[in-house]
Amino acid sequence: MVRVLVLHGPNLNLLGSRETSVYGAMTLDAINGNIAVLGNELGVTVDIRQSNHEGELVTWIQQARGDYDGIVINPAAYTHTSVAIRDALAAVDIPAVEVHLSNIHRREEFRHHSYISAVTLAQISGFGPTGYLLALRGLSEYLAAHAEGASPAPGPESGGHSEKLRAS
């Protein structure tokens, strides 16, 4: 069975009460519930974790090697600052999708750059909680195609470019 690690970064534990005009009113527990339901529908085992600590996220990424087939990650604020998370994702060589609830490219200038996107298959931003479901579905399809020997979508490991999907 396909196994996917879903990682939520700092402050996402406050969803539902934190800046609802930007991040919406859905709680992290509700988002996780939706991810688990879709995982079940897709036949994907999901392990969902959240941390406010960069080192813990790095450790989980490193430990994923050999145990998980893919990673869905919302690095939150670490998107714009963490070379360590970027390097961990590159080191484990596990297909990953970066997710953001808001469209980071329509926000403050410092949020426009992602250290993470260069080492992921895709970046999904601006669709709110649905972005996680899009990421899981897309990653599941990618992993199924890759397992069947089909030519994978261009990604960082093949010298291609990661795809970005944004809602306005």
Protein backbone atom coordinates (compact mmCIF):
# COMPACT_ATOMS: atom_id res chain seq x y z
CA MET A 1 0.00 0.00 0.00
CA VAL A 2 1.19 3.52 -0.80
CA ARG A 3 2.23 5.53 2.27
CA VAL A 4 2.25 9.33 2.34
CA LEU A 5 3.59 11.55 5.11
CA VAL A 6 1.65 14.80 5.53
CA LEU A 7 3.53 17.52 7.40
CA HIS A 8 2.10 20.79 8.70
CA GLY A 9 4.51 23.50 9.76
CA PRO A 10 4.43 26.22 12.41
CA ASN A 11 1.24 27.93 13.56
CA LEU A 12 -1.01 25.63 11.54
CA ASN A 13 -2.20 24.14 14.83
CA LEU A 14 -4.00 27.50 15.30
CA LEU A 15 -6.10 27.19 12.15
CA GLY A 16 -9.73 28.08 12.70
CA SER A 17 -8.86 30.91 15.05
CA ARG A 18 -5.75 32.43 13.42
CA GLU A 19 -6.22 35.16 10.81
CA THR A 20 -9.38 33.60 9.43
CA SER A 21 -9.54 36.24 6.69
CA VAL A 22 -6.30 34.77 5.30
CA TYR A 23 -6.41 31.10 6.33
CA GLY A 24 -10.15 30.40 6.68
CA ALA A 25 -12.17 29.04 9.55
CA MET A 26 -11.46 25.32 9.15
CA THR A 27 -9.46 23.78 11.98
CA LEU A 28 -6.40 21.60 11.46
CA ASP A 29 -8.32 18.65 12.90
CA ALA A 30 -11.00 19.10 10.24
CA ILE A 31 -8.39 19.39 7.48
CA ASN A 32 -6.69 16.24 8.77
CA GLY A 33 -10.03 14.43 8.81
CA ASN A 34 -10.60 15.33 5.16
CA ILE A 35 -7.09 14.18 4.24
CA ALA A 36 -7.66 10.85 6.02
CA VAL A 37 -11.00 10.31 4.24
CA LEU A 38 -9.45 11.00 0.82
CA GLY A 39 -6.46 8.80 1.65
CA ASN A 40 -8.85 5.96 2.44
CA GLU A 41 -10.75 6.53 -0.83
CA LEU A 42 -7.49 6.49 -2.79
CA GLY A 43 -6.11 3.45 -0.97
CA VAL A 44 -3.29 5.55 0.47
CA THR A 45 -2.14 5.29 4.07
CA VAL A 46 -1.54 8.80 5.43
CA ASP A 47 0.48 9.72 8.49
CA ILE A 48 -0.30 13.31 9.48
CA ARG A 49 1.92 15.39 11.78
CA GLN A 50 2.29 19.05 12.79
CA SER A 51 5.20 20.82 14.43
CA ASN A 52 6.21 24.36 15.25
CA HIS A 53 9.86 23.24 15.30
CA GLU A 54 12.02 23.25 12.20
CA GLY A 55 14.34 20.52 13.49
CA GLU A 56 11.45 18.18 14.21
CA LEU A 57 10.14 18.62 10.65
CA VAL A 58 13.65 17.92 9.30
CA THR A 59 13.91 14.78 11.45
CA TRP A 60 10.52 13.50 10.24
CA ILE A 61 11.53 14.10 6.62
CA GLN A 62 14.81 12.22 7.14
CA GLN A 63 13.02 9.33 8.87
CA ALA A 64 10.59 9.07 5.95
CA ARG A 65 13.22 7.44 3.74
CA GLY A 66 12.29 3.81 3.24
CA ASP A 67 8.97 4.17 5.10
CA TYR A 68 6.99 6.55 2.86
CA ASP A 69 6.39 6.78 -0.87
CA GLY A 70 5.56 10.49 -0.90
CA ILE A 71 5.36 13.64 1.20
CA VAL A 72 2.78 16.42 1.27
CA ILE A 73 4.19 19.39 3.15
CA ASN A 74 2.94 22.79 4.18
CA PRO A 75 6.13 24.27 5.59
CA ALA A 76 4.22 27.47 6.45
CA ALA A 77 6.63 30.27 7.39
CA TYR A 78 9.61 27.93 6.96
CA THR A 79 8.87 28.03 3.22
CA HIS A 80 10.64 31.36 3.04
CA THR A 81 13.49 30.71 5.47
CA SER A 82 14.43 27.04 5.77
CA VAL A 83 17.32 25.74 3.75
CA ALA A 84 17.36 22.85 6.25
CA ILE A 85 13.88 21.63 5.23
CA ARG A 86 14.77 22.11 1.57
CA ASP A 87 17.96 20.10 1.99
CA ALA A 88 16.17 17.33 3.91
CA LEU A 89 13.61 16.96 1.12
CA ALA A 90 16.38 16.85 -1.48
CA ALA A 91 18.38 14.32 0.57
CA VAL A 92 15.61 11.76 1.01
CA ASP A 93 14.64 11.86 -2.67
CA ILE A 94 10.97 11.14 -1.96
CA PRO A 95 8.43 12.78 -4.28
CA ALA A 96 6.89 15.73 -2.44
CA VAL A 97 4.21 18.34 -3.00
CA GLU A 98 4.30 21.74 -1.31
CA VAL A 99 0.96 23.16 -0.12
CA HIS A 100 -0.09 26.62 1.04
CA LEU A 101 -3.57 27.62 2.14
CA SER A 102 -3.17 31.18 0.86
CA ASN A 103 -1.71 32.29 -2.44
CA ILE A 104 1.78 33.20 -1.24
CA HIS A 105 2.43 35.05 -4.50
CA ARG A 106 -0.35 37.56 -3.79
CA ARG A 107 0.85 38.34 -0.29
CA GLU A 108 3.79 40.24 1.16
CA GLU A 109 6.90 40.29 -1.01
CA PHE A 110 8.93 38.18 1.46
CA ARG A 111 6.41 35.33 1.03
CA HIS A 112 6.89 35.13 -2.74
CA HIS A 113 10.08 33.07 -2.56
CA SER A 114 9.98 29.40 -1.60
CA TYR A 115 13.15 27.51 -0.77
CA ILE A 116 11.06 24.34 -0.90
CA SER A 117 9.52 24.45 -4.39
CA ALA A 118 12.78 23.73 -6.22
CA VAL A 119 12.88 20.22 -4.71
CA THR A 120 9.19 19.31 -4.98
CA LEU A 121 7.08 17.94 -7.81
CA ALA A 122 4.59 20.78 -7.47
CA GLN A 123 3.43 23.70 -5.38
CA ILE A 124 -0.27 24.22 -4.72
CA SER A 125 -1.25 27.53 -3.18
CA GLY A 126 -4.38 29.58 -2.73
CA PHE A 127 -7.05 26.88 -2.65
CA GLY A 128 -7.37 26.81 1.13
CA PRO A 129 -7.80 23.37 2.70
CA THR A 130 -8.67 21.90 -0.70
CA GLY A 131 -5.01 22.32 -1.61
CA TYR A 132 -4.10 19.39 0.62
CA LEU A 133 -6.63 17.19 -1.18
CA LEU A 134 -5.35 18.29 -4.57
CA ALA A 135 -1.81 17.52 -3.43
CA LEU A 136 -2.71 14.07 -2.12
CA ARG A 137 -4.67 13.19 -5.24
CA GLY A 138 -1.92 14.43 -7.57
CA LEU A 139 0.82 12.72 -5.59
CA SER A 140 -1.18 9.48 -5.53
CA GLU A 141 -1.59 9.59 -9.31
CA TYR A 142 2.10 10.39 -9.78
CA LEU A 143 3.13 7.48 -7.55
CA ALA A 144 0.76 5.08 -9.34
CA ALA A 145 2.12 6.11 -12.75
CA HIS A 146 5.70 5.85 -11.51
CA ALA A 147 5.06 2.40 -10.00
CA GLU A 148 3.63 1.15 -13.29
CA GLY A 149 6.74 2.23 -15.14
CA ALA A 150 5.06 5.14 -16.87
CA SER A 151 7.15 8.17 -17.57
CA PRO A 152 6.88 10.44 -14.53
CA ALA A 153 5.91 14.07 -14.84
CA PRO A 154 8.89 16.38 -15.12
CA GLY A 155 10.17 17.25 -11.69
CA PRO A 156 13.35 18.35 -10.02
CA GLU A 157 14.88 14.88 -10.15
CA SER A 158 14.50 14.70 -13.93
CA GLY A 159 15.85 18.16 -14.61
CA GLY A 160 12.36 19.51 -15.30
CA HIS A 161 10.57 22.26 -13.51
CA SER A 162 8.17 21.89 -10.64
CA GLU A 163 4.60 22.82 -11.42
CA LYS A 164 2.82 25.60 -9.58
CA LEU A 165 -0.94 25.62 -9.15
CA ARG A 166 -2.43 28.76 -7.67
CA ALA A 167 -5.85 30.22 -7.15
CA SER A 168 -6.30 33.96 -7.10
